[in-house]
């Protein structure tokens, strides 16, 4: 590889803040809200033109599609964000659970409103490209935007990039599976001109269930090991339709289409079709991301052709839109003070430094189990604290978790729990003049409990 030596230059400081949150997805919104509500100056920066992350940029509606009658959750911002979306008309009932399906476009306004009300200083269309570091302490980040190369100084930085970009820039240790082992990426798309009545009649007649996820010989391309407790439950599954499409030659043999639908509006929009799965994509490699974006759009159009031919109600369906970006699931995991493991997820793991809980829910790496029983695990603060770097917390899907646990913690609801815990801890550390790695966790827990978070 050739290199170019970048000359030294003076970089203007665009802002100074107590807490800087990098990345405006579910964890970033929660981190910024919780820090600002604790009374410290907070800035949130985001590379796209809206906040919401996978909800708004990829169009993922399913923030809590796993929720059922006996599910035990953390509460706090994870529930407040969903409820605020409902109150502001940015959601509707999700078809397979006791949750709300988030409308991607309207949620942009929800995020704007909540962040503004909390006093968060927001900057869109900006990316962090380097860190400012003195010894092991982070002091800020270098950004690039239409305004040029600028610096933001902060007492605490919260990395909510999803890919642990800031931790990587800072030299914090991390792990990342080989490209072939990473979870697939998805091009989410929406269709217009769907006959909802005909579609729902077809669904009522066929009654797809979770057990269909790979149970039939024809569906081997979309194979899941579904726990016996939920095999007979209704699922908005479309795998059998695409099996017919492949048999008819409408889908290339090397392409896997499967997955599910979510909301169908009264005026004929299917707003969340999650059926494209592209394997072997490194989300930290722009060449891989480029390939995935182009291939994903191609496969989405193949999917629409199949739906028009084999799915009642979709006979006249047309593409409405693609997500703004490909939906990503997995890349870097930091090496933290504590790692969440399969034992934690399946055996109700308990941690004294818990910042919230999450139900025993497994979705990924070929396995599915819904939280139908009141079982849950603690999320340890140590999983957010990277090694070898100070003044930094990492939230969302990049926290320290083994390959099994990752299939659970990547969920947006869990990401919000980590963000709320991180923002609260950052504020308390600043006000007590303590490093975030040494913050009094009992003070953090007490504050979270006052904010209606189930910590233990």
Protein backbone atom coordinates (compact mmCIF):
# COMPACT_ATOMS: atom_id res chain seq x y z
CA UNK A 1 0.00 0.00 0.00
CA UNK A 2 1.27 3.45 -0.91
CA UNK A 3 1.04 6.30 1.57
CA UNK A 4 0.76 10.07 1.44
CA UNK A 5 2.21 12.12 4.29
CA UNK A 6 -0.41 14.70 5.26
CA UNK A 7 1.16 18.04 6.15
CA UNK A 8 0.50 19.53 9.59
CA UNK A 9 -2.05 22.32 9.69
CA UNK A 10 -3.98 24.49 12.12
CA UNK A 11 -7.51 23.18 12.66
CA UNK A 12 -10.17 25.55 13.99
CA UNK A 13 -12.13 24.47 17.06
CA UNK A 14 -15.80 24.56 16.07
CA UNK A 15 -17.16 23.72 19.53
CA UNK A 16 -16.34 22.82 23.11
CA UNK A 17 -18.77 20.72 25.13
CA UNK A 18 -18.98 18.56 28.22
CA UNK A 19 -20.29 15.48 26.42
CA UNK A 20 -19.88 14.74 22.73
CA UNK A 21 -22.00 11.94 21.28
CA UNK A 22 -20.84 10.68 17.89
CA UNK A 23 -23.60 8.98 15.93
CA UNK A 24 -27.32 9.78 16.09
CA UNK A 25 -28.89 6.34 16.01
CA UNK A 26 -31.00 4.86 18.84
CA UNK A 27 -28.06 4.64 21.26
CA UNK A 28 -26.82 8.12 20.32
CA UNK A 29 -30.21 9.73 20.78
CA UNK A 30 -30.53 8.06 24.19
CA UNK A 31 -27.00 9.03 25.24
CA UNK A 32 -27.52 12.67 24.24
CA UNK A 33 -30.95 12.91 25.88
CA UNK A 34 -29.79 11.40 29.17
CA UNK A 35 -26.63 13.51 29.40
CA UNK A 36 -28.42 16.76 28.54
CA UNK A 37 -31.23 16.06 30.99
CA UNK A 38 -28.59 15.66 33.71
CA UNK A 39 -27.60 19.28 33.12
CA UNK A 40 -24.28 19.00 31.27
CA UNK A 41 -23.67 20.62 27.89
CA UNK A 42 -24.17 17.98 25.22
CA UNK A 43 -23.49 17.89 21.50
CA UNK A 44 -24.68 15.19 19.10
CA UNK A 45 -23.12 14.84 15.64
CA UNK A 46 -24.41 12.66 12.81
CA UNK A 47 -23.09 11.94 9.31
CA UNK A 48 -26.52 11.78 7.64
CA UNK A 49 -29.16 14.50 7.38
CA UNK A 50 -31.38 13.11 10.12
CA UNK A 51 -31.23 11.36 13.48
CA UNK A 52 -32.58 7.87 14.07
CA UNK A 53 -29.90 5.61 12.63
CA UNK A 54 -31.24 2.35 11.24
CA UNK A 55 -34.81 3.52 11.95
CA UNK A 56 -34.62 6.50 9.63
CA UNK A 57 -31.66 5.90 7.32
CA UNK A 58 -32.35 2.22 6.61
CA UNK A 59 -36.09 2.26 7.33
CA UNK A 60 -36.18 -0.38 10.08
CA UNK A 61 -39.56 -0.17 11.84
CA UNK A 62 -39.11 -2.97 14.34
CA UNK A 63 -37.74 -1.33 17.49
CA UNK A 64 -39.35 -3.90 19.84
CA UNK A 65 -40.95 -6.59 17.66
CA UNK A 66 -39.99 -9.22 20.25
CA UNK A 67 -42.31 -7.83 22.99
CA UNK A 68 -45.03 -10.12 24.32
CA UNK A 69 -47.23 -10.30 27.39
CA UNK A 70 -44.63 -11.68 29.81
CA UNK A 71 -41.60 -9.81 28.44
CA UNK A 72 -39.66 -7.88 31.09
CA UNK A 73 -37.93 -4.71 29.86
CA UNK A 74 -35.71 -1.93 31.12
CA UNK A 75 -38.16 0.93 30.63
CA UNK A 76 -36.66 4.42 30.73
CA UNK A 77 -35.85 5.98 27.37
CA UNK A 78 -36.32 2.68 25.55
CA UNK A 79 -40.02 2.92 26.29
CA UNK A 80 -40.25 6.74 26.25
CA UNK A 81 -38.91 7.02 22.70
CA UNK A 82 -41.43 4.47 21.42
CA UNK A 83 -44.30 6.10 23.33
CA UNK A 84 -43.35 9.59 22.10
CA UNK A 85 -43.39 8.30 18.53
CA UNK A 86 -46.89 6.93 19.10
CA UNK A 87 -48.14 10.20 20.60
CA UNK A 88 -46.74 12.21 17.68
CA UNK A 89 -48.29 9.95 15.06
CA UNK A 90 -45.00 8.37 14.01
CA UNK A 91 -45.94 4.74 14.59
CA UNK A 92 -48.71 2.19 14.36
CA UNK A 93 -49.25 -1.21 15.97
CA UNK A 94 -46.63 -3.76 14.95
CA UNK A 95 -48.26 -6.91 13.49
CA UNK A 96 -46.49 -9.64 15.46
CA UNK A 97 -46.02 -8.16 18.94
CA UNK A 98 -47.20 -5.75 21.63
CA UNK A 99 -45.08 -2.94 20.24
CA UNK A 100 -45.18 0.01 17.86
CA UNK A 101 -43.77 -0.06 14.34
CA UNK A 102 -41.85 3.17 13.78
CA UNK A 103 -42.53 5.26 10.68
CA UNK A 104 -39.10 6.12 9.33
CA UNK A 105 -39.98 9.53 7.91
CA UNK A 106 -42.07 10.78 10.82
CA UNK A 107 -39.53 9.59 13.37
CA UNK A 108 -37.05 12.14 12.00
CA UNK A 109 -39.36 14.79 13.44
CA UNK A 110 -39.75 12.88 16.71
CA UNK A 111 -35.99 12.78 17.19
CA UNK A 112 -35.68 16.47 16.34
CA UNK A 113 -38.35 17.35 18.90
CA UNK A 114 -37.01 15.25 21.75
CA UNK A 115 -33.42 16.41 21.30
CA UNK A 116 -34.43 20.06 21.01
CA UNK A 117 -36.59 19.87 24.13
CA UNK A 118 -33.63 18.41 26.06
CA UNK A 119 -31.30 21.20 24.94
CA UNK A 120 -28.96 19.02 22.90
CA UNK A 121 -26.77 20.93 20.46
CA UNK A 122 -27.06 19.07 17.15
CA UNK A 123 -24.93 18.98 14.02
CA UNK A 124 -25.88 16.97 10.93
CA UNK A 125 -23.88 16.20 7.79
CA UNK A 126 -20.63 15.84 9.74
CA UNK A 127 -18.27 12.91 10.32
CA UNK A 128 -15.62 12.28 12.93
CA UNK A 129 -12.42 11.23 11.17
CA UNK A 130 -9.79 11.28 13.94
CA UNK A 131 -9.40 11.76 17.66
CA UNK A 132 -7.50 14.28 19.76
CA UNK A 133 -5.60 12.36 22.40
CA UNK A 134 -3.15 13.15 25.18
CA UNK A 135 -1.61 9.96 26.50
CA UNK A 136 -4.51 7.59 27.14
CA UNK A 137 -7.06 10.41 27.47
CA UNK A 138 -9.35 11.54 24.66
CA UNK A 139 -9.86 15.28 24.50
CA UNK A 140 -11.94 15.59 21.36
CA UNK A 141 -12.38 14.60 17.74
CA UNK A 142 -11.44 15.92 14.32
CA UNK A 143 -14.39 16.27 11.96
CA UNK A 144 -14.91 16.69 8.22
CA UNK A 145 -17.93 18.37 6.69
CA UNK A 146 -18.95 20.97 4.14
CA UNK A 147 -17.55 23.46 6.66
CA UNK A 148 -14.10 21.90 6.35
CA UNK A 149 -11.83 20.12 8.80
CA UNK A 150 -12.63 21.21 12.35
CA UNK A 151 -12.14 20.07 15.94
CA UNK A 152 -14.66 19.48 18.72
CA UNK A 153 -13.29 19.38 22.26
CA UNK A 154 -15.10 17.42 24.97
CA UNK A 155 -14.62 16.10 28.48
CA UNK A 156 -16.30 12.79 27.62
CA UNK A 157 -16.90 11.24 24.21
CA UNK A 158 -19.59 8.62 23.66
CA UNK A 159 -19.04 6.47 20.59
CA UNK A 160 -22.42 5.59 19.08
CA UNK A 161 -21.18 5.02 15.54
CA UNK A 162 -22.22 1.37 15.57
CA UNK A 163 -18.82 0.37 14.21
CA UNK A 164 -16.75 1.62 17.19
CA UNK A 165 -15.11 4.16 14.88
CA UNK A 166 -13.98 6.48 17.67
CA UNK A 167 -12.57 3.61 19.72
CA UNK A 168 -10.73 2.43 16.62
CA UNK A 169 -9.31 5.88 15.92
CA UNK A 170 -8.19 6.03 19.56
CA UNK A 171 -6.34 2.72 19.37
CA UNK A 172 -8.65 0.85 21.74
CA UNK A 173 -8.49 -2.94 21.31
CA UNK A 174 -11.39 -4.58 19.49
CA UNK A 175 -12.42 -7.79 17.78
CA UNK A 176 -14.08 -8.34 14.42
CA UNK A 177 -15.08 -11.63 12.90
CA UNK A 178 -13.90 -12.63 9.43
CA UNK A 179 -15.97 -11.18 6.63
CA UNK A 180 -17.56 -14.52 5.81
CA UNK A 181 -18.76 -14.91 9.41
CA UNK A 182 -20.24 -11.42 9.87
CA UNK A 183 -24.01 -11.10 9.95
CA UNK A 184 -25.48 -10.13 6.59
CA UNK A 185 -26.52 -6.62 5.56
CA UNK A 186 -29.94 -5.71 4.20
CA UNK A 187 -31.43 -3.30 1.70
CA UNK A 188 -34.77 -2.37 3.22
CA UNK A 189 -37.34 -1.12 0.71
CA UNK A 190 -40.97 -0.03 0.57
CA UNK A 191 -43.69 -0.64 -1.99
CA UNK A 192 -46.70 1.42 -3.01
CA UNK A 193 -49.99 0.36 -4.64
CA UNK A 194 -50.49 -2.74 -2.50
CA UNK A 195 -54.03 -4.08 -2.11
CA UNK A 196 -54.10 -4.39 1.66
CA UNK A 197 -57.38 -6.29 1.83
CA UNK A 198 -56.24 -8.95 -0.64
CA UNK A 199 -52.85 -9.20 1.06
CA UNK A 200 -54.29 -9.65 4.53
CA UNK A 201 -56.80 -12.22 3.28
CA UNK A 202 -53.88 -14.19 1.86
CA UNK A 203 -52.00 -13.92 5.16
CA UNK A 204 -55.07 -15.02 7.13
CA UNK A 205 -55.44 -18.03 4.84
CA UNK A 206 -51.79 -19.13 4.95
CA UNK A 207 -51.09 -18.15 8.59
CA UNK A 208 -47.28 -18.02 8.33
CA UNK A 209 -45.51 -18.85 11.58
CA UNK A 210 -42.00 -18.63 13.02
CA UNK A 211 -41.57 -22.33 12.45
CA UNK A 212 -41.68 -21.62 8.71
CA UNK A 213 -38.29 -19.90 8.93
CA UNK A 214 -36.43 -22.70 7.19
CA UNK A 215 -38.64 -25.58 8.30
CA UNK A 216 -39.63 -26.61 4.78
CA UNK A 217 -37.27 -28.28 2.33
CA UNK A 218 -37.91 -25.52 -0.22
CA UNK A 219 -36.80 -22.81 2.23
CA UNK A 220 -33.28 -24.01 3.02
CA UNK A 221 -31.86 -20.73 1.76
CA UNK A 222 -33.47 -18.96 4.74
CA UNK A 223 -32.80 -21.33 7.58
CA UNK A 224 -33.28 -20.63 11.29
CA UNK A 225 -33.20 -22.84 14.35
CA UNK A 226 -36.45 -21.65 15.92
CA UNK A 227 -37.03 -22.42 19.59
CA UNK A 228 -39.96 -24.75 20.17
CA UNK A 229 -41.73 -22.17 22.36
CA UNK A 230 -42.49 -19.91 19.39
CA UNK A 231 -42.60 -22.21 16.35
CA UNK A 232 -46.40 -22.12 16.11
CA UNK A 233 -46.74 -18.37 16.68
CA UNK A 234 -47.76 -16.03 13.87
CA UNK A 235 -44.89 -14.43 11.95
CA UNK A 236 -45.06 -11.92 9.04
CA UNK A 237 -42.88 -14.29 7.02
CA UNK A 238 -42.47 -14.19 3.24
CA UNK A 239 -40.00 -17.02 2.67
CA UNK A 240 -42.39 -19.35 0.87
CA UNK A 241 -43.17 -16.69 -1.74
CA UNK A 242 -39.50 -16.34 -2.59
CA UNK A 243 -39.03 -20.10 -2.69
CA UNK A 244 -41.65 -20.09 -5.46
CA UNK A 245 -39.78 -17.26 -7.18
CA UNK A 246 -36.53 -19.19 -7.14
CA UNK A 247 -38.23 -22.31 -8.48
CA UNK A 248 -39.66 -20.18 -11.31
CA UNK A 249 -36.21 -18.84 -12.18
CA UNK A 250 -36.95 -15.26 -11.12
CA UNK A 251 -34.21 -15.32 -8.47
CA UNK A 252 -30.61 -16.29 -9.28
CA UNK A 253 -29.41 -19.41 -7.48
CA UNK A 254 -26.70 -17.45 -5.63
CA UNK A 255 -29.22 -14.92 -4.23
CA UNK A 256 -31.07 -15.49 -0.93
CA UNK A 257 -34.37 -13.70 -0.46
CA UNK A 258 -36.48 -14.29 2.64
CA UNK A 259 -37.53 -12.34 5.70
CA UNK A 260 -40.65 -10.41 6.53
CA UNK A 261 -43.07 -7.51 6.12
CA UNK A 262 -44.32 -5.15 8.80
CA UNK A 263 -46.94 -2.42 8.37
CA UNK A 264 -49.31 -2.10 5.41
CA UNK A 265 -51.12 1.24 5.34
CA UNK A 266 -54.75 1.80 4.36
CA UNK A 267 -53.57 3.65 1.25
CA UNK A 268 -51.47 0.73 0.03
CA UNK A 269 -47.92 1.33 1.24
CA UNK A 270 -45.84 -1.58 2.52
CA UNK A 271 -43.33 0.51 4.44
CA UNK A 272 -40.85 -2.09 5.63
CA UNK A 273 -39.88 -5.05 3.49
CA UNK A 274 -36.89 -6.77 5.05
CA UNK A 275 -36.18 -9.59 2.61
CA UNK A 276 -32.74 -8.89 1.10
CA UNK A 277 -29.72 -10.51 2.78
CA UNK A 278 -26.23 -9.91 1.45
CA UNK A 279 -23.47 -11.93 3.13
CA UNK A 280 -19.73 -11.34 3.42
CA UNK A 281 -19.86 -7.55 3.76
CA UNK A 282 -17.38 -5.71 5.98
CA UNK A 283 -19.27 -2.61 7.15
CA UNK A 284 -15.95 -0.80 7.72
CA UNK A 285 -14.83 -1.24 4.09
CA UNK A 286 -16.21 1.32 1.63
CA UNK A 287 -15.69 -1.02 -1.31
CA UNK A 288 -17.78 -3.69 0.40
CA UNK A 289 -20.45 -1.14 1.31
CA UNK A 290 -20.55 0.10 -2.28
CA UNK A 291 -20.98 -3.44 -3.56
CA UNK A 292 -23.74 -4.09 -1.01
CA UNK A 293 -25.67 -0.92 -1.91
CA UNK A 294 -25.65 -1.71 -5.63
CA UNK A 295 -26.36 -5.42 -5.23
CA UNK A 296 -29.05 -4.73 -2.63
CA UNK A 297 -31.03 -2.48 -4.94
CA UNK A 298 -30.81 -5.10 -7.69
CA UNK A 299 -32.07 -7.83 -5.36
CA UNK A 300 -34.87 -5.61 -4.08
CA UNK A 301 -36.19 -5.26 -7.61
CA UNK A 302 -35.98 -9.03 -8.06
CA UNK A 303 -37.98 -9.37 -4.84
CA UNK A 304 -40.68 -7.01 -6.13
CA UNK A 305 -40.97 -9.03 -9.35
CA UNK A 306 -41.52 -12.17 -7.28
CA UNK A 307 -44.05 -10.50 -5.00
CA UNK A 308 -46.01 -9.19 -7.98
CA UNK A 309 -46.21 -12.69 -9.46
CA UNK A 310 -46.78 -14.86 -6.38
CA UNK A 311 -48.07 -12.72 -3.49
CA UNK A 312 -51.79 -11.82 -3.55
CA UNK A 313 -52.23 -8.10 -3.01
CA UNK A 314 -48.90 -7.20 -4.65
CA UNK A 315 -50.02 -7.71 -8.27
CA UNK A 316 -49.73 -3.98 -9.06
CA UNK A 317 -47.14 -3.07 -6.44
CA UNK A 318 -44.41 -0.61 -7.36
CA UNK A 319 -41.17 0.41 -5.69
CA UNK A 320 -41.79 3.33 -3.34
CA UNK A 321 -38.27 3.84 -2.00
CA UNK A 322 -35.06 2.22 -0.81
CA UNK A 323 -33.60 2.97 2.58
CA UNK A 324 -31.13 5.86 2.51
CA UNK A 325 -28.37 3.36 3.26
CA UNK A 326 -27.89 -0.36 3.48
CA UNK A 327 -28.90 -1.79 6.84
CA UNK A 328 -25.85 -3.04 8.71
CA UNK A 329 -25.71 -5.46 11.63
CA UNK A 330 -22.16 -6.25 12.72
CA UNK A 331 -18.56 -5.09 12.53
CA UNK A 332 -16.20 -4.17 15.38
CA UNK A 333 -16.79 -5.13 19.02
CA UNK A 334 -14.69 -3.31 21.61
CA UNK A 335 -12.70 -5.21 24.20
CA UNK A 336 -14.23 -3.80 27.35
CA UNK A 337 -13.88 -4.28 31.08
CA UNK A 338 -16.65 -6.93 30.93
CA UNK A 339 -17.92 -9.12 28.10
CA UNK A 340 -21.53 -10.19 27.71
CA UNK A 341 -21.66 -13.90 26.87
CA UNK A 342 -24.05 -16.66 25.88
CA UNK A 343 -24.17 -17.57 29.57
CA UNK A 344 -25.49 -14.07 30.36
CA UNK A 345 -28.20 -14.20 27.71
CA UNK A 346 -29.47 -17.73 28.40
CA UNK A 347 -28.87 -18.01 32.15
CA UNK A 348 -30.13 -14.60 33.32
CA UNK A 349 -26.67 -13.11 33.84
CA UNK A 350 -26.34 -10.76 36.81
CA UNK A 351 -23.79 -7.94 37.19
CA UNK A 352 -23.25 -5.56 40.11
CA UNK A 353 -22.49 -2.72 37.66
CA UNK A 354 -25.74 -3.18 35.71
CA UNK A 355 -27.08 -0.10 33.91
CA UNK A 356 -30.28 -1.76 32.72
CA UNK A 357 -31.80 -5.05 31.76
CA UNK A 358 -32.88 -6.71 28.52
CA UNK A 359 -35.11 -9.75 27.94
CA UNK A 360 -33.82 -13.18 26.99
CA UNK A 361 -34.23 -12.67 23.25
CA UNK A 362 -32.11 -14.30 20.53
CA UNK A 363 -32.23 -13.23 16.89
CA UNK A 364 -29.23 -13.93 14.72
CA UNK A 365 -26.55 -16.38 13.68
CA UNK A 366 -29.28 -18.83 12.65
CA UNK A 367 -31.22 -18.90 15.93
CA UNK A 368 -34.47 -17.36 17.15
CA UNK A 369 -36.11 -17.34 20.56
CA UNK A 370 -38.70 -14.79 21.68
CA UNK A 371 -38.94 -13.52 25.28
CA UNK A 372 -42.19 -15.25 26.18
CA UNK A 373 -41.14 -15.78 29.79
CA UNK A 374 -40.14 -13.08 32.34
CA UNK A 375 -36.45 -13.85 31.98
CA UNK A 376 -33.82 -11.14 31.51
CA UNK A 377 -30.12 -10.35 31.92
CA UNK A 378 -28.17 -7.38 33.26
CA UNK A 379 -26.19 -5.13 30.92
CA UNK A 380 -22.90 -4.39 32.70
CA UNK A 381 -21.41 -0.91 32.55
CA UNK A 382 -18.04 -2.57 31.99
CA UNK A 383 -19.15 -3.73 28.52
CA UNK A 384 -19.27 -0.03 27.49
CA UNK A 385 -15.83 0.90 28.89
CA UNK A 386 -13.00 0.24 26.40
CA UNK A 387 -9.59 -0.80 27.55
CA UNK A 388 -6.51 1.40 27.21
CA UNK A 389 -8.46 4.62 26.49
CA UNK A 390 -9.94 7.12 28.96
CA UNK A 391 -12.81 9.62 28.64
CA UNK A 392 -14.56 7.30 26.17
CA UNK A 393 -17.67 5.13 26.36
CA UNK A 394 -18.97 2.91 23.56
CA UNK A 395 -22.68 2.16 23.08
CA UNK A 396 -25.01 0.25 20.83
CA UNK A 397 -24.03 -2.81 18.84
CA UNK A 398 -20.30 -2.23 19.36
CA UNK A 399 -20.21 -3.02 23.09
CA UNK A 400 -18.22 -6.03 24.29
CA UNK A 401 -20.20 -9.21 23.57
CA UNK A 402 -19.32 -12.67 22.33
CA UNK A 403 -20.70 -13.93 19.02
CA UNK A 404 -23.78 -15.47 20.61
CA UNK A 405 -24.65 -12.50 22.83
CA UNK A 406 -24.21 -10.14 19.91
CA UNK A 407 -27.37 -11.50 18.27
CA UNK A 408 -29.27 -10.02 21.23
CA UNK A 409 -27.47 -6.79 22.11
CA UNK A 410 -27.54 -5.50 18.51
CA UNK A 411 -31.30 -4.94 18.85
CA UNK A 412 -32.28 -1.28 18.83
CA UNK A 413 -34.10 -1.54 22.16
CA UNK A 414 -30.93 -2.80 23.82
CA UNK A 415 -28.88 -0.10 22.11
CA UNK A 416 -31.11 2.54 23.72
CA UNK A 417 -30.52 1.00 27.16
CA UNK A 418 -26.74 1.26 26.69
CA UNK A 419 -27.04 4.84 25.44
CA UNK A 420 -29.10 5.97 28.44
CA UNK A 421 -26.64 4.34 30.82
CA UNK A 422 -23.65 5.92 29.09
CA UNK A 423 -25.13 9.42 28.96
CA UNK A 424 -26.07 9.29 32.62
CA UNK A 425 -22.64 7.98 33.63
CA UNK A 426 -20.86 10.63 31.56
CA UNK A 427 -22.83 13.44 33.20
CA UNK A 428 -22.23 12.13 36.72
CA UNK A 429 -18.51 11.65 36.03
CA UNK A 430 -18.21 15.25 34.80
CA UNK A 431 -20.11 16.70 37.74
CA UNK A 432 -18.03 14.69 40.21
CA UNK A 433 -14.75 15.40 38.36
CA UNK A 434 -14.11 11.68 37.84
CA UNK A 435 -13.06 9.63 34.84
CA UNK A 436 -15.94 7.70 33.31
CA UNK A 437 -14.00 4.48 33.88
CA UNK A 438 -13.99 5.24 37.62
CA UNK A 439 -17.44 6.77 38.05
CA UNK A 440 -19.41 5.77 41.14
CA UNK A 441 -21.66 3.16 39.55
CA UNK A 442 -24.07 3.26 42.48
CA UNK A 443 -24.73 6.94 41.82
CA UNK A 444 -25.34 6.12 38.17
CA UNK A 445 -27.70 3.30 39.07
CA UNK A 446 -29.62 5.46 41.54
CA UNK A 447 -30.12 8.13 38.91
CA UNK A 448 -31.26 5.58 36.33
CA UNK A 449 -33.77 4.16 38.79
CA UNK A 450 -35.14 7.66 39.38
CA UNK A 451 -35.56 7.88 35.61
CA UNK A 452 -37.69 4.72 35.69
CA UNK A 453 -35.03 2.33 34.40
CA UNK A 454 -35.13 -1.22 35.69
CA UNK A 455 -31.48 -1.70 36.65
CA UNK A 456 -31.67 -5.05 38.46
